[in-house]
Amino acid sequence: MTQQNTLIPPDETAKQLGVTIGTLATWRNTGRNNLPFVKIGRKVMYRQSDIESWIAKHTFNHTNQAVAQ
């Protein structure tokens, strides 16, 4: 598995994004923020490439850009 396709557990994902594990769970349950995840049985994992893509989509130069989305 390449580093981009590495599966990351929720605790590490939360650290990367600066949110709590509970926030990630809420996002999964409500579809809010549209962060893709992988289910393996009961286990939830996140692809590193999806995390990086999500961060890129949520990176702005000024507040008007964020409002326009």
PDB file of N, CA and C in Angstrom:
ATOM      1  N   MET A   1       0.850  -1.183   0.000  1.00  0.00           N
ATOM      2  CA  MET A   1       0.000   0.000   0.000  1.00  0.00           C
ATOM      3  C   MET A   1       0.891   1.240   0.000  1.00  0.00           C
ATOM      4  N   THR A   2       0.630   2.165  -0.926  1.00  0.00           N
ATOM      5  CA  THR A   2       1.427   3.380  -0.978  1.00  0.00           C
ATOM      6  C   THR A   2       1.060   4.282   0.198  1.00  0.00           C
ATOM      7  N   GLN A   3       1.934   5.232   0.474  1.00  0.00           N
ATOM      8  CA  GLN A   3       1.696   6.127   1.600  1.00  0.00           C
ATOM      9  C   GLN A   3       0.398   6.912   1.415  1.00  0.00           C
ATOM     10  N   GLN A   4       0.074   7.296   0.176  1.00  0.00           N
ATOM     11  CA  GLN A   4      -1.163   8.032  -0.091  1.00  0.00           C
ATOM     12  C   GLN A   4      -2.400   7.190   0.205  1.00  0.00           C
ATOM     13  N   ASN A   5      -2.295   5.878   0.029  1.00  0.00           N
ATOM     14  CA  ASN A   5      -3.433   5.003   0.268  1.00  0.00           C
ATOM     15  C   ASN A   5      -3.416   4.379   1.654  1.00  0.00           C
ATOM     16  N   THR A   6      -2.500   4.804   2.490  1.00  0.00           N
ATOM     17  CA  THR A   6      -2.421   4.295   3.844  1.00  0.00           C
ATOM     18  C   THR A   6      -3.730   4.585   4.579  1.00  0.00           C
ATOM     19  N   LEU A   7      -4.219   3.594   5.301  1.00  0.00           N
ATOM     20  CA  LEU A   7      -5.442   3.780   6.084  1.00  0.00           C
ATOM     21  C   LEU A   7      -5.070   4.276   7.469  1.00  0.00           C
ATOM     22  N   ILE A   8      -5.731   5.341   7.888  1.00  0.00           N
ATOM     23  CA  ILE A   8      -5.441   6.027   9.142  1.00  0.00           C
ATOM     24  C   ILE A   8      -6.621   5.845  10.089  1.00  0.00           C
ATOM     25  N   PRO A   9      -6.380   5.475  11.350  1.00  0.00           N
ATOM     26  CA  PRO A   9      -7.482   5.337  12.301  1.00  0.00           C
ATOM     27  C   PRO A   9      -8.046   6.712  12.705  1.00  0.00           C
ATOM     28  N   PRO A  10      -9.253   6.730  13.247  1.00  0.00           N
ATOM     29  CA  PRO A  10      -9.893   7.997  13.608  1.00  0.00           C
ATOM     30  C   PRO A  10      -9.079   8.876  14.565  1.00  0.00           C
ATOM     31  N   ASP A  11      -8.370   8.280  15.528  1.00  0.00           N
ATOM     32  CA  ASP A  11      -7.629   9.125  16.466  1.00  0.00           C
ATOM     33  C   ASP A  11      -6.524   9.910  15.765  1.00  0.00           C
ATOM     34  N   GLU A  12      -5.824   9.285  14.817  1.00  0.00           N
ATOM     35  CA  GLU A  12      -4.782   9.983  14.069  1.00  0.00           C
ATOM     36  C   GLU A  12      -5.383  10.995  13.096  1.00  0.00           C
ATOM     37  N   THR A  13      -6.504  10.639  12.497  1.00  0.00           N
ATOM     38  CA  THR A  13      -7.190  11.559  11.592  1.00  0.00           C
ATOM     39  C   THR A  13      -7.628  12.804  12.348  1.00  0.00           C
ATOM     40  N   ALA A  14      -8.199  12.605  13.528  1.00  0.00           N
ATOM     41  CA  ALA A  14      -8.640  13.728  14.351  1.00  0.00           C
ATOM     42  C   ALA A  14      -7.464  14.649  14.686  1.00  0.00           C
ATOM     43  N   LYS A  15      -6.313  14.071  15.012  1.00  0.00           N
ATOM     44  CA  LYS A  15      -5.132  14.883  15.312  1.00  0.00           C
ATOM     45  C   LYS A  15      -4.711  15.701  14.095  1.00  0.00           C
ATOM     46  N   GLN A  16      -4.710  15.083  12.928  1.00  0.00           N
ATOM     47  CA  GLN A  16      -4.310  15.791  11.707  1.00  0.00           C
ATOM     48  C   GLN A  16      -5.225  16.973  11.418  1.00  0.00           C
ATOM     49  N   LEU A  17      -6.512  16.794  11.687  1.00  0.00           N
ATOM     50  CA  LEU A  17      -7.496  17.833  11.362  1.00  0.00           C
ATOM     51  C   LEU A  17      -7.753  18.795  12.509  1.00  0.00           C
ATOM     52  N   GLY A  18      -7.245  18.480  13.694  1.00  0.00           N
ATOM     53  CA  GLY A  18      -7.460  19.359  14.839  1.00  0.00           C
ATOM     54  C   GLY A  18      -8.883  19.315  15.369  1.00  0.00           C
ATOM     55  N   VAL A  19      -9.523  18.162  15.253  1.00  0.00           N
ATOM     56  CA  VAL A  19     -10.877  17.976  15.771  1.00  0.00           C
ATOM     57  C   VAL A  19     -10.869  16.769  16.714  1.00  0.00           C
ATOM     58  N   THR A  20     -11.989  16.504  17.343  1.00  0.00           N
ATOM     59  CA  THR A  20     -12.085  15.342  18.224  1.00  0.00           C
ATOM     60  C   THR A  20     -12.565  14.118  17.453  1.00  0.00           C
ATOM     61  N   ILE A  21     -12.374  12.959  18.043  1.00  0.00           N
ATOM     62  CA  ILE A  21     -12.884  11.716  17.463  1.00  0.00           C
ATOM     63  C   ILE A  21     -14.410  11.793  17.377  1.00  0.00           C
ATOM     64  N   GLY A  22     -15.025  12.409  18.378  1.00  0.00           N
ATOM     65  CA  GLY A  22     -16.487  12.581  18.380  1.00  0.00           C
ATOM     66  C   GLY A  22     -16.964  13.431  17.214  1.00  0.00           C
ATOM     67  N   THR A  23     -16.188  14.443  16.862  1.00  0.00           N
ATOM     68  CA  THR A  23     -16.540  15.274  15.712  1.00  0.00           C
ATOM     69  C   THR A  23     -16.503  14.451  14.437  1.00  0.00           C
ATOM     70  N   LEU A  24     -15.482  13.613  14.283  1.00  0.00           N
ATOM     71  CA  LEU A  24     -15.426  12.739  13.104  1.00  0.00           C
ATOM     72  C   LEU A  24     -16.632  11.812  13.057  1.00  0.00           C
ATOM     73  N   ALA A  25     -17.023  11.278  14.207  1.00  0.00           N
ATOM     74  CA  ALA A  25     -18.191  10.393  14.263  1.00  0.00           C
ATOM     75  C   ALA A  25     -19.455  11.146  13.850  1.00  0.00           C
ATOM     76  N   THR A  26     -19.589  12.373  14.308  1.00  0.00           N
ATOM     77  CA  THR A  26     -20.744  13.193  13.936  1.00  0.00           C
ATOM     78  C   THR A  26     -20.746  13.445  12.439  1.00  0.00           C
ATOM     79  N   TRP A  27     -19.591  13.772  11.880  1.00  0.00           N
ATOM     80  CA  TRP A  27     -19.499  14.005  10.437  1.00  0.00           C
ATOM     81  C   TRP A  27     -19.903  12.764   9.662  1.00  0.00           C
ATOM     82  N   ARG A  28     -19.467  11.588  10.126  1.00  0.00           N
ATOM     83  CA  ARG A  28     -19.836  10.339   9.438  1.00  0.00           C
ATOM     84  C   ARG A  28     -21.336  10.102   9.511  1.00  0.00           C
ATOM     85  N   ASN A  29     -21.921  10.327  10.672  1.00  0.00           N
ATOM     86  CA  ASN A  29     -23.343  10.030  10.875  1.00  0.00           C
ATOM     87  C   ASN A  29     -24.266  11.010  10.167  1.00  0.00           C
ATOM     88  N   THR A  30     -23.834  12.256  10.027  1.00  0.00           N
ATOM     89  CA  THR A  30     -24.695  13.277   9.429  1.00  0.00           C
ATOM     90  C   THR A  30     -24.346  13.578   7.974  1.00  0.00           C
ATOM     91  N   GLY A  31     -23.163  13.134   7.535  1.00  0.00           N
ATOM     92  CA  GLY A  31     -22.703  13.472   6.192  1.00  0.00           C
ATOM     93  C   GLY A  31     -22.121  14.864   6.114  1.00  0.00           C
ATOM     94  N   ARG A  32     -22.043  15.542   7.252  1.00  0.00           N
ATOM     95  CA  ARG A  32     -21.500  16.898   7.294  1.00  0.00           C
ATOM     96  C   ARG A  32     -20.013  16.866   6.937  1.00  0.00           C
ATOM     97  N   ASN A  33     -19.569  17.831   6.197  1.00  0.00           N
ATOM     98  CA  ASN A  33     -18.183  18.027   5.778  1.00  0.00           C
ATOM     99  C   ASN A  33     -17.690  16.989   4.781  1.00  0.00           C
ATOM    100  N   ASN A  34     -18.471  15.981   4.482  1.00  0.00           N
ATOM    101  CA  ASN A  34     -18.201  15.058   3.383  1.00  0.00           C
ATOM    102  C   ASN A  34     -16.767  14.510   3.359  1.00  0.00           C
ATOM    103  N   LEU A  35     -16.268  14.066   4.493  1.00  0.00           N
ATOM    104  CA  LEU A  35     -14.945  13.442   4.566  1.00  0.00           C
ATOM    105  C   LEU A  35     -15.111  11.936   4.351  1.00  0.00           C
ATOM    106  N   PRO A  36     -14.603  11.405   3.233  1.00  0.00           N
ATOM    107  CA  PRO A  36     -14.763   9.974   2.954  1.00  0.00           C
ATOM    108  C   PRO A  36     -14.097   9.105   4.017  1.00  0.00           C
ATOM    109  N   PHE A  37     -14.691   7.946   4.274  1.00  0.00           N
ATOM    110  CA  PHE A  37     -14.113   6.989   5.218  1.00  0.00           C
ATOM    111  C   PHE A  37     -14.310   5.581   4.686  1.00  0.00           C
ATOM    112  N   VAL A  38     -13.548   4.652   5.246  1.00  0.00           N
ATOM    113  CA  VAL A  38     -13.578   3.252   4.834  1.00  0.00           C
ATOM    114  C   VAL A  38     -14.070   2.431   6.018  1.00  0.00           C
ATOM    115  N   LYS A  39     -15.021   1.540   5.776  1.00  0.00           N
ATOM    116  CA  LYS A  39     -15.502   0.632   6.822  1.00  0.00           C
ATOM    117  C   LYS A  39     -14.940  -0.752   6.561  1.00  0.00           C
ATOM    118  N   ILE A  40     -14.295  -1.319   7.554  1.00  0.00           N
ATOM    119  CA  ILE A  40     -13.788  -2.687   7.496  1.00  0.00           C
ATOM    120  C   ILE A  40     -14.419  -3.398   8.690  1.00  0.00           C
ATOM    121  N   GLY A  41     -15.503  -4.106   8.446  1.00  0.00           N
ATOM    122  CA  GLY A  41     -16.268  -4.662   9.561  1.00  0.00           C
ATOM    123  C   GLY A  41     -16.814  -3.518  10.386  1.00  0.00           C
ATOM    124  N   ARG A  42     -16.505  -3.497  11.677  1.00  0.00           N
ATOM    125  CA  ARG A  42     -16.928  -2.397  12.549  1.00  0.00           C
ATOM    126  C   ARG A  42     -15.918  -1.256  12.580  1.00  0.00           C
ATOM    127  N   LYS A  43     -14.745  -1.516  12.047  1.00  0.00           N
ATOM    128  CA  LYS A  43     -13.649  -0.550  12.110  1.00  0.00           C
ATOM    129  C   LYS A  43     -13.828   0.545  11.065  1.00  0.00           C
ATOM    130  N   VAL A  44     -13.549   1.774  11.464  1.00  0.00           N
ATOM    131  CA  VAL A  44     -13.589   2.925  10.572  1.00  0.00           C
ATOM    132  C   VAL A  44     -12.157   3.400  10.361  1.00  0.00           C
ATOM    133  N   MET A  45     -11.808   3.644   9.105  1.00  0.00           N
ATOM    134  CA  MET A  45     -10.481   4.141   8.767  1.00  0.00           C
ATOM    135  C   MET A  45     -10.634   5.250   7.721  1.00  0.00           C
ATOM    136  N   TYR A  46      -9.587   6.045   7.590  1.00  0.00           N
ATOM    137  CA  TYR A  46      -9.565   7.128   6.612  1.00  0.00           C
ATOM    138  C   TYR A  46      -8.325   6.977   5.745  1.00  0.00           C
ATOM    139  N   ARG A  47      -8.461   7.184   4.426  1.00  0.00           N
ATOM    140  CA  ARG A  47      -7.305   7.168   3.533  1.00  0.00           C
ATOM    141  C   ARG A  47      -6.549   8.486   3.681  1.00  0.00           C
ATOM    142  N   GLN A  48      -5.236   8.400   3.758  1.00  0.00           N
ATOM    143  CA  GLN A  48      -4.416   9.610   3.855  1.00  0.00           C
ATOM    144  C   GLN A  48      -4.683  10.534   2.681  1.00  0.00           C
ATOM    145  N   SER A  49      -4.834   9.980   1.492  1.00  0.00           N
ATOM    146  CA  SER A  49      -5.086  10.814   0.306  1.00  0.00           C
ATOM    147  C   SER A  49      -6.428  11.552   0.418  1.00  0.00           C
ATOM    148  N   ASP A  50      -7.443  10.922   1.001  1.00  0.00           N
ATOM    149  CA  ASP A  50      -8.741  11.583   1.194  1.00  0.00           C
ATOM    150  C   ASP A  50      -8.632  12.722   2.202  1.00  0.00           C
ATOM    151  N   ILE A  51      -7.847  12.511   3.244  1.00  0.00           N
ATOM    152  CA  ILE A  51      -7.642  13.561   4.259  1.00  0.00           C
ATOM    153  C   ILE A  51      -6.973  14.766   3.611  1.00  0.00           C
ATOM    154  N   GLU A  52      -5.911  14.505   2.850  1.00  0.00           N
ATOM    155  CA  GLU A  52      -5.187  15.597   2.199  1.00  0.00           C
ATOM    156  C   GLU A  52      -6.053  16.325   1.182  1.00  0.00           C
ATOM    157  N   SER A  53      -6.867  15.583   0.439  1.00  0.00           N
ATOM    158  CA  SER A  53      -7.776  16.192  -0.521  1.00  0.00           C
ATOM    159  C   SER A  53      -8.824  17.052   0.186  1.00  0.00           C
ATOM    160  N   TRP A  54      -9.343  16.549   1.304  1.00  0.00           N
ATOM    161  CA  TRP A  54     -10.340  17.292   2.079  1.00  0.00           C
ATOM    162  C   TRP A  54      -9.740  18.599   2.596  1.00  0.00           C
ATOM    163  N   ILE A  55      -8.508  18.526   3.092  1.00  0.00           N
ATOM    164  CA  ILE A  55      -7.834  19.735   3.582  1.00  0.00           C
ATOM    165  C   ILE A  55      -7.672  20.738   2.443  1.00  0.00           C
ATOM    166  N   ALA A  56      -7.253  20.260   1.266  1.00  0.00           N
ATOM    167  CA  ALA A  56      -7.067  21.157   0.121  1.00  0.00           C
ATOM    168  C   ALA A  56      -8.377  21.845  -0.265  1.00  0.00           C
ATOM    169  N   LYS A  57      -9.486  21.115  -0.212  1.00  0.00           N
ATOM    170  CA  LYS A  57     -10.793  21.702  -0.547  1.00  0.00           C
ATOM    171  C   LYS A  57     -11.247  22.722   0.488  1.00  0.00           C
ATOM    172  N   HIS A  58     -10.696  22.641   1.688  1.00  0.00           N
ATOM    173  CA  HIS A  58     -11.091  23.547   2.761  1.00  0.00           C
ATOM    174  C   HIS A  58      -9.989  24.553   3.096  1.00  0.00           C
ATOM    175  N   THR A  59      -9.157  24.860   2.103  1.00  0.00           N
ATOM    176  CA  THR A  59      -8.084  25.836   2.261  1.00  0.00           C
ATOM    177  C   THR A  59      -8.433  27.070   1.443  1.00  0.00           C
ATOM    178  N   PHE A  60      -8.426  28.231   2.090  1.00  0.00           N
ATOM    179  CA  PHE A  60      -8.863  29.473   1.462  1.00  0.00           C
ATOM    180  C   PHE A  60      -7.831  30.575   1.667  1.00  0.00           C
ATOM    181  N   ASN A  61      -7.888  31.590   0.808  1.00  0.00           N
ATOM    182  CA  ASN A  61      -7.015  32.749   0.934  1.00  0.00           C
ATOM    183  C   ASN A  61      -7.678  33.892   1.688  1.00  0.00           C
ATOM    184  N   HIS A  62      -9.002  33.899   1.695  1.00  0.00           N
ATOM    185  CA  HIS A  62      -9.749  34.909   2.451  1.00  0.00           C
ATOM    186  C   HIS A  62     -11.142  34.371   2.762  1.00  0.00           C
ATOM    187  N   THR A  63     -11.828  35.017   3.689  1.00  0.00           N
ATOM    188  CA  THR A  63     -13.110  34.497   4.170  1.00  0.00           C
ATOM    189  C   THR A  63     -14.204  34.487   3.110  1.00  0.00           C
ATOM    190  N   ASN A  64     -14.159  35.386   2.140  1.00  0.00           N
ATOM    191  CA  ASN A  64     -15.183  35.393   1.093  1.00  0.00           C
ATOM    192  C   ASN A  64     -15.165  34.111   0.282  1.00  0.00           C
ATOM    193  N   GLN A  65     -14.004  33.499   0.111  1.00  0.00           N
ATOM    194  CA  GLN A  65     -13.940  32.233  -0.603  1.00  0.00           C
ATOM    195  C   GLN A  65     -14.702  31.162   0.154  1.00  0.00           C
ATOM    196  N   ALA A  66     -14.556  31.114   1.449  1.00  0.00           N
ATOM    197  CA  ALA A  66     -15.213  30.101   2.268  1.00  0.00           C
ATOM    198  C   ALA A  66     -16.732  30.269   2.211  1.00  0.00           C
ATOM    199  N   VAL A  67     -17.208  31.490   2.199  1.00  0.00           N
ATOM    200  CA  VAL A  67     -18.645  31.763   2.153  1.00  0.00           C
ATOM    201  C   VAL A  67     -19.206  31.384   0.801  1.00  0.00           C
ATOM    202  N   ALA A  68     -18.449  31.563  -0.270  1.00  0.00           N
ATOM    203  CA  ALA A  68     -18.924  31.290  -1.614  1.00  0.00           C
ATOM    204  C   ALA A  68     -19.127  29.806  -1.875  1.00  0.00           C
ATOM    205  N   GLN A  69     -18.465  28.960  -1.121  1.00  0.00           N
ATOM    206  CA  GLN A  69     -18.585  27.523  -1.362  1.00  0.00           C
ATOM    207  C   GLN A  69     -19.873  27.040  -0.912  1.00  0.00           C
TER     208      GLN A  69
END
